[in-house]
Amino acid sequence: MQSGVSYNHQTVQLDGEVFSDCQFAACRMVYSGGEPPQFEACQFDGCDWKFEEAAAHTLSYLKLMWSVGAKAAVQGTIKEITVVAR
């Protein structure tokens, strides 16, 4: 667990990491498709979010689905991930 760390202009690998009270400024945030990271009370300023490896393959698959006419399925997935749990 990373706690109270300030990251500035760094590449940060996110898979499986836990961040608490961290600050990220102008960082390259990289998720590769492993265990999702956890963020608790973190701040982000001007970060660039990147998907690599398995995560990038998933995005390519969603793009393919969209292009062959499965737009409703992709939109359903987006809706599912953007709905706030109550």
C-alpha atoms as a PDB file:
ATOM      1  CA  MET A   1       0.000   0.000   0.000  1.00  0.00           C
ATOM      2  CA  GLN A   2       1.226   3.428  -0.966  1.00  0.00           C
ATOM      3  CA  SER A   3       0.155   6.032   1.596  1.00  0.00           C
ATOM      4  CA  GLY A   4       0.779   9.778   1.526  1.00  0.00           C
ATOM      5  CA  VAL A   5       3.093   9.600  -1.485  1.00  0.00           C
ATOM      6  CA  SER A   6       3.398  12.451  -3.998  1.00  0.00           C
ATOM      7  CA  TYR A   7       4.047  11.460  -7.595  1.00  0.00           C
ATOM      8  CA  ASN A   8       5.195  14.131 -10.042  1.00  0.00           C
ATOM      9  CA  HIS A   9       5.812  13.535 -13.774  1.00  0.00           C
ATOM     10  CA  GLN A  10       6.186   9.791 -13.202  1.00  0.00           C
ATOM     11  CA  THR A  11       4.885   6.657 -14.876  1.00  0.00           C
ATOM     12  CA  VAL A  12       2.806   4.818 -12.283  1.00  0.00           C
ATOM     13  CA  GLN A  13       1.917   1.144 -12.782  1.00  0.00           C
ATOM     14  CA  LEU A  14      -1.548   0.661 -11.305  1.00  0.00           C
ATOM     15  CA  ASP A  15      -2.264  -3.069 -11.455  1.00  0.00           C
ATOM     16  CA  GLY A  16      -2.941  -4.510  -8.004  1.00  0.00           C
ATOM     17  CA  GLU A  17      -1.786  -1.375  -6.179  1.00  0.00           C
ATOM     18  CA  VAL A  18      -3.533   0.374  -3.290  1.00  0.00           C
ATOM     19  CA  PHE A  19      -3.062   4.135  -2.963  1.00  0.00           C
ATOM     20  CA  SER A  20      -4.227   6.138   0.045  1.00  0.00           C
ATOM     21  CA  ASP A  21      -3.950   9.926   0.411  1.00  0.00           C
ATOM     22  CA  CYS A  22      -1.586  10.120  -2.563  1.00  0.00           C
ATOM     23  CA  GLN A  23      -1.121  13.004  -4.960  1.00  0.00           C
ATOM     24  CA  PHE A  24      -0.498  12.506  -8.659  1.00  0.00           C
ATOM     25  CA  ALA A  25       0.636  15.487 -10.771  1.00  0.00           C
ATOM     26  CA  ALA A  26       1.189  15.172 -14.526  1.00  0.00           C
ATOM     27  CA  CYS A  27       1.720  11.424 -14.202  1.00  0.00           C
ATOM     28  CA  ARG A  28       1.264   8.682 -16.761  1.00  0.00           C
ATOM     29  CA  MET A  29      -1.175   6.265 -15.070  1.00  0.00           C
ATOM     30  CA  VAL A  30      -0.837   2.806 -16.649  1.00  0.00           C
ATOM     31  CA  TYR A  31      -3.313  -0.033 -16.219  1.00  0.00           C
ATOM     32  CA  SER A  32      -2.426  -3.319 -17.940  1.00  0.00           C
ATOM     33  CA  GLY A  33      -5.492  -5.418 -17.135  1.00  0.00           C
ATOM     34  CA  GLY A  34      -4.507  -7.108 -13.884  1.00  0.00           C
ATOM     35  CA  GLU A  35      -6.129  -6.632 -10.481  1.00  0.00           C
ATOM     36  CA  PRO A  36      -7.838  -3.222 -10.475  1.00  0.00           C
ATOM     37  CA  PRO A  37      -6.090  -0.578  -8.374  1.00  0.00           C
ATOM     38  CA  GLN A  38      -7.700   1.027  -5.357  1.00  0.00           C
ATOM     39  CA  PHE A  39      -7.655   4.758  -4.658  1.00  0.00           C
ATOM     40  CA  GLU A  40      -8.686   6.272  -1.332  1.00  0.00           C
ATOM     41  CA  ALA A  41      -8.688  10.064  -0.894  1.00  0.00           C
ATOM     42  CA  CYS A  42      -6.189  10.585  -3.723  1.00  0.00           C
ATOM     43  CA  GLN A  43      -5.817  13.702  -5.869  1.00  0.00           C
ATOM     44  CA  PHE A  44      -5.088  13.779  -9.598  1.00  0.00           C
ATOM     45  CA  ASP A  45      -3.872  16.821 -11.511  1.00  0.00           C
ATOM     46  CA  GLY A  46      -3.226  16.658 -15.244  1.00  0.00           C
ATOM     47  CA  CYS A  47      -2.600  12.913 -15.389  1.00  0.00           C
ATOM     48  CA  ASP A  48      -2.660  10.868 -18.578  1.00  0.00           C
ATOM     49  CA  TRP A  49      -4.482   7.529 -18.217  1.00  0.00           C
ATOM     50  CA  LYS A  50      -3.173   4.693 -20.405  1.00  0.00           C
ATOM     51  CA  PHE A  51      -4.337   1.144 -21.071  1.00  0.00           C
ATOM     52  CA  GLU A  52      -1.717  -1.426 -22.066  1.00  0.00           C
ATOM     53  CA  GLU A  53      -1.550  -5.181 -22.678  1.00  0.00           C
ATOM     54  CA  ALA A  54      -4.777  -6.987 -21.674  1.00  0.00           C
ATOM     55  CA  ALA A  55      -6.538  -3.702 -20.850  1.00  0.00           C
ATOM     56  CA  ALA A  56      -5.710  -2.329 -24.318  1.00  0.00           C
ATOM     57  CA  HIS A  57      -6.945  -5.571 -25.901  1.00  0.00           C
ATOM     58  CA  THR A  58     -10.274  -5.182 -24.104  1.00  0.00           C
ATOM     59  CA  LEU A  59     -10.666  -1.638 -25.421  1.00  0.00           C
ATOM     60  CA  SER A  60      -9.825  -2.841 -28.945  1.00  0.00           C
ATOM     61  CA  TYR A  61     -12.497  -5.517 -28.630  1.00  0.00           C
ATOM     62  CA  LEU A  62     -15.094  -2.947 -27.535  1.00  0.00           C
ATOM     63  CA  LYS A  63     -14.127  -0.781 -30.519  1.00  0.00           C
ATOM     64  CA  LEU A  64     -14.566  -3.791 -32.805  1.00  0.00           C
ATOM     65  CA  MET A  65     -17.978  -4.546 -31.289  1.00  0.00           C
ATOM     66  CA  TRP A  66     -19.019  -0.939 -31.904  1.00  0.00           C
ATOM     67  CA  SER A  67     -17.851  -1.040 -35.528  1.00  0.00           C
ATOM     68  CA  VAL A  68     -19.770  -4.240 -36.387  1.00  0.00           C
ATOM     69  CA  GLY A  69     -23.051  -2.965 -35.028  1.00  0.00           C
ATOM     70  CA  ALA A  70     -23.037  -4.058 -31.396  1.00  0.00           C
ATOM     71  CA  LYS A  71     -23.354  -0.449 -30.226  1.00  0.00           C
ATOM     72  CA  ALA A  72     -26.133  -1.266 -27.751  1.00  0.00           C
ATOM     73  CA  ALA A  73     -23.924  -3.820 -25.997  1.00  0.00           C
ATOM     74  CA  VAL A  74     -21.037  -1.343 -25.731  1.00  0.00           C
ATOM     75  CA  GLN A  75     -23.368   1.404 -24.512  1.00  0.00           C
ATOM     76  CA  GLY A  76     -24.795  -1.038 -21.942  1.00  0.00           C
ATOM     77  CA  THR A  77     -21.292  -1.746 -20.675  1.00  0.00           C
ATOM     78  CA  ILE A  78     -20.526   1.973 -20.392  1.00  0.00           C
ATOM     79  CA  LYS A  79     -23.795   2.547 -18.549  1.00  0.00           C
ATOM     80  CA  GLU A  80     -23.010  -0.317 -16.167  1.00  0.00           C
ATOM     81  CA  ILE A  81     -19.597   1.074 -15.238  1.00  0.00           C
ATOM     82  CA  THR A  82     -20.758   4.673 -14.868  1.00  0.00           C
ATOM     83  CA  VAL A  83     -23.783   4.068 -12.649  1.00  0.00           C
ATOM     84  CA  VAL A  84     -23.019   4.993  -9.060  1.00  0.00           C
ATOM     85  CA  ALA A  85     -23.863   2.236  -6.574  1.00  0.00           C
ATOM     86  CA  ARG A  86     -26.470   3.186  -3.998  1.00  0.00           C
END
